[in-house]
Each structure stands twice: as C-alpha cells, then as structure tokens.
Amino acid sequence: ARPDPQKSLVGFTVGDVHYAVPIAAVREI
C-alpha cells in the first residue's frame, strides 16, 4: 500500500490546543 501523499502532518495535543509537525520530520512515535 502506498502512503497517502495527502497525509503530511502528524497531529497531537498539548493542553487543549491541537498542534502538528510535518510527517517528513517524524522518525517514530
């Protein structure tokens, strides 16, 4: 299965705020 090229962000929360980082920078969770 090819990764969806539209999925470019990894989302997370800190407190009540939603943040994301570019998936290209993420090594693992």
mmCIF file of all heavy atoms, coordinates in Angstrom:
data_MODEL
# 
_entry.id   MODEL 
# 
loop_
_atom_site.group_PDB 
_atom_site.id 
_atom_site.type_symbol 
_atom_site.label_atom_id 
_atom_site.label_alt_id 
_atom_site.label_comp_id 
_atom_site.label_asym_id 
_atom_site.label_entity_id 
_atom_site.label_seq_id 
_atom_site.pdbx_PDB_ins_code 
_atom_site.Cartn_x 
_atom_site.Cartn_y 
_atom_site.Cartn_z 
_atom_site.occupancy 
_atom_site.B_iso_or_equiv 
_atom_site.pdbx_formal_charge 
_atom_site.auth_seq_id 
_atom_site.auth_comp_id 
_atom_site.auth_asym_id 
_atom_site.auth_atom_id 
_atom_site.pdbx_PDB_model_num 
ATOM 1   N N   . ALA A 1 1  ? 0.849  -1.182 0.000  1.00 0.00 ? 1  ALA A N   1 
ATOM 2   C CA  . ALA A 1 1  ? 0.000  0.000  0.000  1.00 0.00 ? 1  ALA A CA  1 
ATOM 3   C C   . ALA A 1 1  ? 0.886  1.235  0.000  1.00 0.00 ? 1  ALA A C   1 
ATOM 4   O O   . ALA A 1 1  ? 1.831  1.320  0.780  1.00 0.00 ? 1  ALA A O   1 
ATOM 5   C CB  . ALA A 1 1  ? -0.911 -0.003 1.218  1.00 0.00 ? 1  ALA A CB  1 
ATOM 6   N N   . ARG A 1 2  ? 0.596  2.152  -0.883 1.00 0.00 ? 2  ARG A N   1 
ATOM 7   C CA  . ARG A 1 2  ? 1.389  3.380  -0.947 1.00 0.00 ? 2  ARG A CA  1 
ATOM 8   C C   . ARG A 1 2  ? 0.841  4.365  0.059  1.00 0.00 ? 2  ARG A C   1 
ATOM 9   O O   . ARG A 1 2  ? -0.362 4.516  0.208  1.00 0.00 ? 2  ARG A O   1 
ATOM 10  C CB  . ARG A 1 2  ? 1.335  3.973  -2.339 1.00 0.00 ? 2  ARG A CB  1 
ATOM 11  C CG  . ARG A 1 2  ? 1.900  2.990  -3.369 1.00 0.00 ? 2  ARG A CG  1 
ATOM 12  C CD  . ARG A 1 2  ? 1.950  3.611  -4.690 1.00 0.00 ? 2  ARG A CD  1 
ATOM 13  N NE  . ARG A 1 2  ? 3.156  4.434  -4.682 1.00 0.00 ? 2  ARG A NE  1 
ATOM 14  C CZ  . ARG A 1 2  ? 3.472  5.244  -5.645 1.00 0.00 ? 2  ARG A CZ  1 
ATOM 15  N NH1 . ARG A 1 2  ? 2.698  5.384  -6.669 1.00 0.00 ? 2  ARG A NH1 1 
ATOM 16  N NH2 . ARG A 1 2  ? 4.577  5.954  -5.580 1.00 0.00 ? 2  ARG A NH2 1 
ATOM 17  N N   . PRO A 1 3  ? 1.704  5.046  0.778  1.00 0.00 ? 3  PRO A N   1 
ATOM 18  C CA  . PRO A 1 3  ? 1.217  6.035  1.727  1.00 0.00 ? 3  PRO A CA  1 
ATOM 19  C C   . PRO A 1 3  ? 0.464  7.140  0.999  1.00 0.00 ? 3  PRO A C   1 
ATOM 20  O O   . PRO A 1 3  ? 0.791  7.491  -0.125 1.00 0.00 ? 3  PRO A O   1 
ATOM 21  C CB  . PRO A 1 3  ? 2.476  6.579  2.394  1.00 0.00 ? 3  PRO A CB  1 
ATOM 22  C CG  . PRO A 1 3  ? 3.623  6.025  1.653  1.00 0.00 ? 3  PRO A CG  1 
ATOM 23  C CD  . PRO A 1 3  ? 3.146  4.971  0.728  1.00 0.00 ? 3  PRO A CD  1 
ATOM 24  N N   . ASP A 1 4  ? -0.567 7.632  1.623  1.00 0.00 ? 4  ASP A N   1 
ATOM 25  C CA  . ASP A 1 4  ? -1.372 8.701  1.054  1.00 0.00 ? 4  ASP A CA  1 
ATOM 26  C C   . ASP A 1 4  ? -0.538 9.980  1.037  1.00 0.00 ? 4  ASP A C   1 
ATOM 27  O O   . ASP A 1 4  ? -0.164 10.488 2.094  1.00 0.00 ? 4  ASP A O   1 
ATOM 28  C CB  . ASP A 1 4  ? -2.633 8.893  1.891  1.00 0.00 ? 4  ASP A CB  1 
ATOM 29  C CG  . ASP A 1 4  ? -3.568 9.938  1.324  1.00 0.00 ? 4  ASP A CG  1 
ATOM 30  O OD1 . ASP A 1 4  ? -3.162 10.689 0.420  1.00 0.00 ? 4  ASP A OD1 1 
ATOM 31  O OD2 . ASP A 1 4  ? -4.709 10.001 1.794  1.00 0.00 ? 4  ASP A OD2 1 
ATOM 32  N N   . PRO A 1 5  ? -0.232 10.525 -0.143 1.00 0.00 ? 5  PRO A N   1 
ATOM 33  C CA  . PRO A 1 5  ? 0.609  11.729 -0.196 1.00 0.00 ? 5  PRO A CA  1 
ATOM 34  C C   . PRO A 1 5  ? -0.077 12.941 0.437  1.00 0.00 ? 5  PRO A C   1 
ATOM 35  O O   . PRO A 1 5  ? 0.577  13.917 0.753  1.00 0.00 ? 5  PRO A O   1 
ATOM 36  C CB  . PRO A 1 5  ? 0.850  11.941 -1.694 1.00 0.00 ? 5  PRO A CB  1 
ATOM 37  C CG  . PRO A 1 5  ? -0.281 11.235 -2.367 1.00 0.00 ? 5  PRO A CG  1 
ATOM 38  C CD  . PRO A 1 5  ? -0.647 10.090 -1.468 1.00 0.00 ? 5  PRO A CD  1 
ATOM 39  N N   . GLN A 1 6  ? -1.385 12.873 0.616  1.00 0.00 ? 6  GLN A N   1 
ATOM 40  C CA  . GLN A 1 6  ? -2.106 13.973 1.242  1.00 0.00 ? 6  GLN A CA  1 
ATOM 41  C C   . GLN A 1 6  ? -1.903 13.994 2.749  1.00 0.00 ? 6  GLN A C   1 
ATOM 42  O O   . GLN A 1 6  ? -2.164 14.994 3.394  1.00 0.00 ? 6  GLN A O   1 
ATOM 43  C CB  . GLN A 1 6  ? -3.604 13.884 0.922  1.00 0.00 ? 6  GLN A CB  1 
ATOM 44  C CG  . GLN A 1 6  ? -3.910 14.070 -0.538 1.00 0.00 ? 6  GLN A CG  1 
ATOM 45  C CD  . GLN A 1 6  ? -3.510 15.455 -1.037 1.00 0.00 ? 6  GLN A CD  1 
ATOM 46  O OE1 . GLN A 1 6  ? -3.712 16.451 -0.356 1.00 0.00 ? 6  GLN A OE1 1 
ATOM 47  N NE2 . GLN A 1 6  ? -2.915 15.510 -2.211 1.00 0.00 ? 6  GLN A NE2 1 
ATOM 48  N N   . LYS A 1 7  ? -1.474 12.886 3.329  1.00 0.00 ? 7  LYS A N   1 
ATOM 49  C CA  . LYS A 1 7  ? -1.267 12.817 4.775  1.00 0.00 ? 7  LYS A CA  1 
ATOM 50  C C   . LYS A 1 7  ? 0.139  13.308 5.089  1.00 0.00 ? 7  LYS A C   1 
ATOM 51  O O   . LYS A 1 7  ? 1.095  12.550 5.100  1.00 0.00 ? 7  LYS A O   1 
ATOM 52  C CB  . LYS A 1 7  ? -1.510 11.409 5.288  1.00 0.00 ? 7  LYS A CB  1 
ATOM 53  C CG  . LYS A 1 7  ? -2.967 11.006 5.132  1.00 0.00 ? 7  LYS A CG  1 
ATOM 54  C CD  . LYS A 1 7  ? -3.269 9.702  5.785  1.00 0.00 ? 7  LYS A CD  1 
ATOM 55  C CE  . LYS A 1 7  ? -4.768 9.434  5.708  1.00 0.00 ? 7  LYS A CE  1 
ATOM 56  N NZ  . LYS A 1 7  ? -5.124 8.226  6.405  1.00 0.00 ? 7  LYS A NZ  1 
ATOM 57  N N   . SER A 1 8  ? 0.232  14.603 5.355  1.00 0.00 ? 8  SER A N   1 
ATOM 58  C CA  . SER A 1 8  ? 1.541  15.233 5.501  1.00 0.00 ? 8  SER A CA  1 
ATOM 59  C C   . SER A 1 8  ? 1.829  15.735 6.907  1.00 0.00 ? 8  SER A C   1 
ATOM 60  O O   . SER A 1 8  ? 2.898  16.261 7.160  1.00 0.00 ? 8  SER A O   1 
ATOM 61  C CB  . SER A 1 8  ? 1.638  16.408 4.526  1.00 0.00 ? 8  SER A CB  1 
ATOM 62  O OG  . SER A 1 8  ? 0.592  17.340 4.795  1.00 0.00 ? 8  SER A OG  1 
ATOM 63  N N   . LEU A 1 9  ? 0.882  15.572 7.838  1.00 0.00 ? 9  LEU A N   1 
ATOM 64  C CA  . LEU A 1 9  ? 1.050  16.089 9.197  1.00 0.00 ? 9  LEU A CA  1 
ATOM 65  C C   . LEU A 1 9  ? 0.741  15.016 10.236 1.00 0.00 ? 9  LEU A C   1 
ATOM 66  O O   . LEU A 1 9  ? -0.162 14.201 10.042 1.00 0.00 ? 9  LEU A O   1 
ATOM 67  C CB  . LEU A 1 9  ? 0.119  17.285 9.426  1.00 0.00 ? 9  LEU A CB  1 
ATOM 68  C CG  . LEU A 1 9  ? 0.294  18.486 8.508  1.00 0.00 ? 9  LEU A CG  1 
ATOM 69  C CD1 . LEU A 1 9  ? -0.835 19.488 8.713  1.00 0.00 ? 9  LEU A CD1 1 
ATOM 70  C CD2 . LEU A 1 9  ? 1.647  19.147 8.755  1.00 0.00 ? 9  LEU A CD2 1 
ATOM 71  N N   . VAL A 1 10 ? 1.489  15.054 11.339 1.00 0.00 ? 10 VAL A N   1 
ATOM 72  C CA  . VAL A 1 10 ? 1.189  14.207 12.496 1.00 0.00 ? 10 VAL A CA  1 
ATOM 73  C C   . VAL A 1 10 ? 0.605  15.128 13.558 1.00 0.00 ? 10 VAL A C   1 
ATOM 74  O O   . VAL A 1 10 ? 1.271  16.058 14.015 1.00 0.00 ? 10 VAL A O   1 
ATOM 75  C CB  . VAL A 1 10 ? 2.452  13.490 13.030 1.00 0.00 ? 10 VAL A CB  1 
ATOM 76  C CG1 . VAL A 1 10 ? 2.135  12.717 14.308 1.00 0.00 ? 10 VAL A CG1 1 
ATOM 77  C CG2 . VAL A 1 10 ? 3.029  12.570 11.967 1.00 0.00 ? 10 VAL A CG2 1 
ATOM 78  N N   . GLY A 1 11 ? -0.647 14.873 13.932 1.00 0.00 ? 11 GLY A N   1 
ATOM 79  C CA  . GLY A 1 11 ? -1.340 15.728 14.884 1.00 0.00 ? 11 GLY A CA  1 
ATOM 80  C C   . GLY A 1 11 ? -1.190 15.251 16.314 1.00 0.00 ? 11 GLY A C   1 
ATOM 81  O O   . GLY A 1 11 ? -1.076 14.053 16.576 1.00 0.00 ? 11 GLY A O   1 
ATOM 82  N N   . PHE A 1 12 ? -1.206 16.213 17.231 1.00 0.00 ? 12 PHE A N   1 
ATOM 83  C CA  . PHE A 1 12 ? -1.109 15.902 18.652 1.00 0.00 ? 12 PHE A CA  1 
ATOM 84  C C   . PHE A 1 12 ? -1.710 17.040 19.457 1.00 0.00 ? 12 PHE A C   1 
ATOM 85  O O   . PHE A 1 12 ? -2.007 18.112 18.920 1.00 0.00 ? 12 PHE A O   1 
ATOM 86  C CB  . PHE A 1 12 ? 0.346  15.624 19.070 1.00 0.00 ? 12 PHE A CB  1 
ATOM 87  C CG  . PHE A 1 12 ? 1.296  16.763 18.791 1.00 0.00 ? 12 PHE A CG  1 
ATOM 88  C CD1 . PHE A 1 12 ? 1.555  17.729 19.758 1.00 0.00 ? 12 PHE A CD1 1 
ATOM 89  C CD2 . PHE A 1 12 ? 1.943  16.858 17.572 1.00 0.00 ? 12 PHE A CD2 1 
ATOM 90  C CE1 . PHE A 1 12 ? 2.437  18.774 19.509 1.00 0.00 ? 12 PHE A CE1 1 
ATOM 91  C CE2 . PHE A 1 12 ? 2.828  17.894 17.316 1.00 0.00 ? 12 PHE A CE2 1 
ATOM 92  C CZ  . PHE A 1 12 ? 3.082  18.856 18.286 1.00 0.00 ? 12 PHE A CZ  1 
ATOM 93  N N   . THR A 1 13 ? -1.892 16.794 20.741 1.00 0.00 ? 13 THR A N   1 
ATOM 94  C CA  . THR A 1 13 ? -2.419 17.829 21.629 1.00 0.00 ? 13 THR A CA  1 
ATOM 95  C C   . THR A 1 13 ? -1.418 18.122 22.733 1.00 0.00 ? 13 THR A C   1 
ATOM 96  O O   . THR A 1 13 ? -0.676 17.247 23.180 1.00 0.00 ? 13 THR A O   1 
ATOM 97  C CB  . THR A 1 13 ? -3.759 17.420 22.279 1.00 0.00 ? 13 THR A CB  1 
ATOM 98  O OG1 . THR A 1 13 ? -3.565 16.196 22.982 1.00 0.00 ? 13 THR A OG1 1 
ATOM 99  C CG2 . THR A 1 13 ? -4.848 17.248 21.237 1.00 0.00 ? 13 THR A CG2 1 
ATOM 100 N N   . VAL A 1 14 ? -1.430 19.383 23.137 1.00 0.00 ? 14 VAL A N   1 
ATOM 101 C CA  . VAL A 1 14 ? -0.710 19.842 24.320 1.00 0.00 ? 14 VAL A CA  1 
ATOM 102 C C   . VAL A 1 14 ? -1.705 20.754 25.017 1.00 0.00 ? 14 VAL A C   1 
ATOM 103 O O   . VAL A 1 14 ? -2.085 21.786 24.476 1.00 0.00 ? 14 VAL A O   1 
ATOM 104 C CB  . VAL A 1 14 ? 0.585  20.607 23.972 1.00 0.00 ? 14 VAL A CB  1 
ATOM 105 C CG1 . VAL A 1 14 ? 1.278  21.112 25.239 1.00 0.00 ? 14 VAL A CG1 1 
ATOM 106 C CG2 . VAL A 1 14 ? 1.534  19.731 23.161 1.00 0.00 ? 14 VAL A CG2 1 
ATOM 107 N N   . GLY A 1 15 ? -2.170 20.320 26.179 1.00 0.00 ? 15 GLY A N   1 
ATOM 108 C CA  . GLY A 1 15 ? -3.264 21.036 26.822 1.00 0.00 ? 15 GLY A CA  1 
ATOM 109 C C   . GLY A 1 15 ? -4.503 20.866 25.967 1.00 0.00 ? 15 GLY A C   1 
ATOM 110 O O   . GLY A 1 15 ? -4.779 19.782 25.458 1.00 0.00 ? 15 GLY A O   1 
ATOM 111 N N   . ASP A 1 16 ? -5.228 21.942 25.761 1.00 0.00 ? 16 ASP A N   1 
ATOM 112 C CA  . ASP A 1 16 ? -6.441 21.905 24.949 1.00 0.00 ? 16 ASP A CA  1 
ATOM 113 C C   . ASP A 1 16 ? -6.209 22.339 23.511 1.00 0.00 ? 16 ASP A C   1 
ATOM 114 O O   . ASP A 1 16 ? -7.163 22.518 22.754 1.00 0.00 ? 16 ASP A O   1 
ATOM 115 C CB  . ASP A 1 16 ? -7.502 22.834 25.572 1.00 0.00 ? 16 ASP A CB  1 
ATOM 116 C CG  . ASP A 1 16 ? -7.959 22.344 26.934 1.00 0.00 ? 16 ASP A CG  1 
ATOM 117 O OD1 . ASP A 1 16 ? -7.944 21.118 27.163 1.00 0.00 ? 16 ASP A OD1 1 
ATOM 118 O OD2 . ASP A 1 16 ? -8.319 23.192 27.769 1.00 0.00 ? 16 ASP A OD2 1 
ATOM 119 N N   . VAL A 1 17 ? -4.960 22.517 23.117 1.00 0.00 ? 17 VAL A N   1 
ATOM 120 C CA  . VAL A 1 17 ? -4.640 23.035 21.789 1.00 0.00 ? 17 VAL A CA  1 
ATOM 121 C C   . VAL A 1 17 ? -4.134 21.902 20.900 1.00 0.00 ? 17 VAL A C   1 
ATOM 122 O O   . VAL A 1 17 ? -3.380 21.031 21.336 1.00 0.00 ? 17 VAL A O   1 
ATOM 123 C CB  . VAL A 1 17 ? -3.592 24.168 21.897 1.00 0.00 ? 17 VAL A CB  1 
ATOM 124 C CG1 . VAL A 1 17 ? -3.249 24.729 20.524 1.00 0.00 ? 17 VAL A CG1 1 
ATOM 125 C CG2 . VAL A 1 17 ? -4.097 25.279 22.811 1.00 0.00 ? 17 VAL A CG2 1 
ATOM 126 N N   . HIS A 1 18 ? -4.537 21.965 19.630 1.00 0.00 ? 18 HIS A N   1 
ATOM 127 C CA  . HIS A 1 18 ? -4.108 20.977 18.640 1.00 0.00 ? 18 HIS A CA  1 
ATOM 128 C C   . HIS A 1 18 ? -2.906 21.518 17.873 1.00 0.00 ? 18 HIS A C   1 
ATOM 129 O O   . HIS A 1 18 ? -2.909 22.664 17.421 1.00 0.00 ? 18 HIS A O   1 
ATOM 130 C CB  . HIS A 1 18 ? -5.249 20.671 17.665 1.00 0.00 ? 18 HIS A CB  1 
ATOM 131 C CG  . HIS A 1 18 ? -6.366 19.924 18.308 1.00 0.00 ? 18 HIS A CG  1 
ATOM 132 N ND1 . HIS A 1 18 ? -6.513 18.570 18.188 1.00 0.00 ? 18 HIS A ND1 1 
ATOM 133 C CD2 . HIS A 1 18 ? -7.369 20.343 19.107 1.00 0.00 ? 18 HIS A CD2 1 
ATOM 134 C CE1 . HIS A 1 18 ? -7.566 18.183 18.883 1.00 0.00 ? 18 HIS A CE1 1 
ATOM 135 N NE2 . HIS A 1 18 ? -8.105 19.254 19.452 1.00 0.00 ? 18 HIS A NE2 1 
ATOM 136 N N   . TYR A 1 19 ? -1.892 20.674 17.736 1.00 0.00 ? 19 TYR A N   1 
ATOM 137 C CA  . TYR A 1 19 ? -0.669 21.008 17.023 1.00 0.00 ? 19 TYR A CA  1 
ATOM 138 C C   . TYR A 1 19 ? -0.374 19.896 16.026 1.00 0.00 ? 19 TYR A C   1 
ATOM 139 O O   . TYR A 1 19 ? -0.972 18.818 16.068 1.00 0.00 ? 19 TYR A O   1 
ATOM 140 C CB  . TYR A 1 19 ? 0.524  21.116 17.984 1.00 0.00 ? 19 TYR A CB  1 
ATOM 141 C CG  . TYR A 1 19 ? 0.427  22.243 18.971 1.00 0.00 ? 19 TYR A CG  1 
ATOM 142 C CD1 . TYR A 1 19 ? -0.110 22.050 20.237 1.00 0.00 ? 19 TYR A CD1 1 
ATOM 143 C CD2 . TYR A 1 19 ? 0.885  23.525 18.643 1.00 0.00 ? 19 TYR A CD2 1 
ATOM 144 C CE1 . TYR A 1 19 ? -0.196 23.089 21.152 1.00 0.00 ? 19 TYR A CE1 1 
ATOM 145 C CE2 . TYR A 1 19 ? 0.805  24.561 19.546 1.00 0.00 ? 19 TYR A CE2 1 
ATOM 146 C CZ  . TYR A 1 19 ? 0.261  24.337 20.800 1.00 0.00 ? 19 TYR A CZ  1 
ATOM 147 O OH  . TYR A 1 19 ? 0.181  25.370 21.706 1.00 0.00 ? 19 TYR A OH  1 
ATOM 148 N N   . ALA A 1 20 ? 0.589  20.148 15.152 1.00 0.00 ? 20 ALA A N   1 
ATOM 149 C CA  . ALA A 1 20 ? 1.057  19.131 14.221 1.00 0.00 ? 20 ALA A CA  1 
ATOM 150 C C   . ALA A 1 20 ? 2.501  19.430 13.864 1.00 0.00 ? 20 ALA A C   1 
ATOM 151 O O   . ALA A 1 20 ? 2.980  20.555 14.041 1.00 0.00 ? 20 ALA A O   1 
ATOM 152 C CB  . ALA A 1 20 ? 0.198  19.112 12.958 1.00 0.00 ? 20 ALA A CB  1 
ATOM 153 N N   . VAL A 1 21 ? 3.180  18.399 13.392 1.00 0.00 ? 21 VAL A N   1 
ATOM 154 C CA  . VAL A 1 21 ? 4.523  18.545 12.825 1.00 0.00 ? 21 VAL A CA  1 
ATOM 155 C C   . VAL A 1 21 ? 4.506  17.848 11.466 1.00 0.00 ? 21 VAL A C   1 
ATOM 156 O O   . VAL A 1 21 ? 3.736  16.906 11.255 1.00 0.00 ? 21 VAL A O   1 
ATOM 157 C CB  . VAL A 1 21 ? 5.631  17.952 13.737 1.00 0.00 ? 21 VAL A CB  1 
ATOM 158 C CG1 . VAL A 1 21 ? 5.811  18.773 14.997 1.00 0.00 ? 21 VAL A CG1 1 
ATOM 159 C CG2 . VAL A 1 21 ? 5.362  16.500 14.072 1.00 0.00 ? 21 VAL A CG2 1 
ATOM 160 N N   . PRO A 1 22 ? 5.336  18.301 10.541 1.00 0.00 ? 22 PRO A N   1 
ATOM 161 C CA  . PRO A 1 22 ? 5.393  17.642 9.231  1.00 0.00 ? 22 PRO A CA  1 
ATOM 162 C C   . PRO A 1 22 ? 5.817  16.182 9.382  1.00 0.00 ? 22 PRO A C   1 
ATOM 163 O O   . PRO A 1 22 ? 6.770  15.865 10.095 1.00 0.00 ? 22 PRO A O   1 
ATOM 164 C CB  . PRO A 1 22 ? 6.447  18.446 8.474  1.00 0.00 ? 22 PRO A CB  1 
ATOM 165 C CG  . PRO A 1 22 ? 6.480  19.777 9.170  1.00 0.00 ? 22 PRO A CG  1 
ATOM 166 C CD  . PRO A 1 22 ? 6.188  19.483 10.607 1.00 0.00 ? 22 PRO A CD  1 
ATOM 167 N N   . ILE A 1 23 ? 5.095  15.305 8.712  1.00 0.00 ? 23 ILE A N   1 
ATOM 168 C CA  . ILE A 1 23 ? 5.376  13.874 8.831  1.00 0.00 ? 23 ILE A CA  1 
ATOM 169 C C   . ILE A 1 23 ? 6.787  13.538 8.331  1.00 0.00 ? 23 ILE A C   1 
ATOM 170 O O   . ILE A 1 23 ? 7.402  12.587 8.814  1.00 0.00 ? 23 ILE A O   1 
ATOM 171 C CB  . ILE A 1 23 ? 4.313  13.026 8.101  1.00 0.00 ? 23 ILE A CB  1 
ATOM 172 C CG1 . ILE A 1 23 ? 4.385  11.573 8.579  1.00 0.00 ? 23 ILE A CG1 1 
ATOM 173 C CG2 . ILE A 1 23 ? 4.432  13.158 6.601  1.00 0.00 ? 23 ILE A CG2 1 
ATOM 174 C CD1 . ILE A 1 23 ? 3.205  10.737 8.152  1.00 0.00 ? 23 ILE A CD1 1 
ATOM 175 N N   . ALA A 1 24 ? 7.314  14.320 7.415  1.00 0.00 ? 24 ALA A N   1 
ATOM 176 C CA  . ALA A 1 24 ? 8.658  14.064 6.890  1.00 0.00 ? 24 ALA A CA  1 
ATOM 177 C C   . ALA A 1 24 ? 9.721  14.165 7.977  1.00 0.00 ? 24 ALA A C   1 
ATOM 178 O O   . ALA A 1 24 ? 10.788 13.551 7.867  1.00 0.00 ? 24 ALA A O   1 
ATOM 179 C CB  . ALA A 1 24 ? 8.976  15.044 5.763  1.00 0.00 ? 24 ALA A CB  1 
ATOM 180 N N   . ALA A 1 25 ? 9.452  14.920 9.044  1.00 0.00 ? 25 ALA A N   1 
ATOM 181 C CA  . ALA A 1 25 ? 10.424 15.080 10.127 1.00 0.00 ? 25 ALA A CA  1 
ATOM 182 C C   . ALA A 1 25 ? 10.273 14.009 11.209 1.00 0.00 ? 25 ALA A C   1 
ATOM 183 O O   . ALA A 1 25 ? 11.155 13.866 12.055 1.00 0.00 ? 25 ALA A O   1 
ATOM 184 C CB  . ALA A 1 25 ? 10.269 16.457 10.770 1.00 0.00 ? 25 ALA A CB  1 
ATOM 185 N N   . VAL A 1 26 ? 9.172  13.254 11.196 1.00 0.00 ? 26 VAL A N   1 
ATOM 186 C CA  . VAL A 1 26 ? 8.890  12.289 12.259 1.00 0.00 ? 26 VAL A CA  1 
ATOM 187 C C   . VAL A 1 26 ? 9.596  10.970 11.992 1.00 0.00 ? 26 VAL A C   1 
ATOM 188 O O   . VAL A 1 26 ? 9.452  10.372 10.931 1.00 0.00 ? 26 VAL A O   1 
ATOM 189 C CB  . VAL A 1 26 ? 7.365  12.067 12.407 1.00 0.00 ? 26 VAL A CB  1 
ATOM 190 C CG1 . VAL A 1 26 ? 7.073  10.988 13.443 1.00 0.00 ? 26 VAL A CG1 1 
ATOM 191 C CG2 . VAL A 1 26 ? 6.685  13.371 12.779 1.00 0.00 ? 26 VAL A CG2 1 
ATOM 192 N N   . ARG A 1 27 ? 10.364 10.550 12.983 1.00 0.00 ? 27 ARG A N   1 
ATOM 193 C CA  . ARG A 1 27 ? 11.048 9.253  12.891 1.00 0.00 ? 27 ARG A CA  1 
ATOM 194 C C   . ARG A 1 27 ? 10.152 8.143  13.421 1.00 0.00 ? 27 ARG A C   1 
ATOM 195 O O   . ARG A 1 27 ? 10.005 7.102  12.809 1.00 0.00 ? 27 ARG A O   1 
ATOM 196 C CB  . ARG A 1 27 ? 12.355 9.305  13.679 1.00 0.00 ? 27 ARG A CB  1 
ATOM 197 C CG  . ARG A 1 27 ? 13.190 8.093  13.518 1.00 0.00 ? 27 ARG A CG  1 
ATOM 198 C CD  . ARG A 1 27 ? 14.571 8.303  14.054 1.00 0.00 ? 27 ARG A CD  1 
ATOM 199 N NE  . ARG A 1 27 ? 14.947 7.102  14.769 1.00 0.00 ? 27 ARG A NE  1 
ATOM 200 C CZ  . ARG A 1 27 ? 15.882 7.020  15.663 1.00 0.00 ? 27 ARG A CZ  1 
ATOM 201 N NH1 . ARG A 1 27 ? 16.569 8.085  15.982 1.00 0.00 ? 27 ARG A NH1 1 
ATOM 202 N NH2 . ARG A 1 27 ? 16.149 5.899  16.242 1.00 0.00 ? 27 ARG A NH2 1 
ATOM 203 N N   . GLU A 1 28 ? 9.552  8.366  14.595 1.00 0.00 ? 28 GLU A N   1 
ATOM 204 C CA  . GLU A 1 28 ? 8.591  7.414  15.154 1.00 0.00 ? 28 GLU A CA  1 
ATOM 205 C C   . GLU A 1 28 ? 7.901  8.021  16.360 1.00 0.00 ? 28 GLU A C   1 
ATOM 206 O O   . GLU A 1 28 ? 8.297  9.075  16.856 1.00 0.00 ? 28 GLU A O   1 
ATOM 207 C CB  . GLU A 1 28 ? 9.244  6.078  15.519 1.00 0.00 ? 28 GLU A CB  1 
ATOM 208 C CG  . GLU A 1 28 ? 10.194 6.096  16.679 1.00 0.00 ? 28 GLU A CG  1 
ATOM 209 C CD  . GLU A 1 28 ? 10.844 4.734  16.905 1.00 0.00 ? 28 GLU A CD  1 
ATOM 210 O OE1 . GLU A 1 28 ? 10.150 3.791  17.363 1.00 0.00 ? 28 GLU A OE1 1 
ATOM 211 O OE2 . GLU A 1 28 ? 12.055 4.612  16.630 1.00 0.00 ? 28 GLU A OE2 1 
ATOM 212 N N   . ILE A 1 29 ? 6.858  7.340  16.820 1.00 0.00 ? 29 ILE A N   1 
ATOM 213 C CA  . ILE A 1 29 ? 6.107  7.748  17.999 1.00 0.00 ? 29 ILE A CA  1 
ATOM 214 C C   . ILE A 1 29 ? 6.260  6.629  19.021 1.00 0.00 ? 29 ILE A C   1 
ATOM 215 O O   . ILE A 1 29 ? 6.042  5.462  18.695 1.00 0.00 ? 29 ILE A O   1 
ATOM 216 C CB  . ILE A 1 29 ? 4.626  7.980  17.647 1.00 0.00 ? 29 ILE A CB  1 
ATOM 217 C CG1 . ILE A 1 29 ? 4.517  9.111  16.621 1.00 0.00 ? 29 ILE A CG1 1 
ATOM 218 C CG2 . ILE A 1 29 ? 3.820  8.302  18.902 1.00 0.00 ? 29 ILE A CG2 1 
ATOM 219 C CD1 . ILE A 1 29 ? 3.150  9.247  15.987 1.00 0.00 ? 29 ILE A CD1 1 
# 
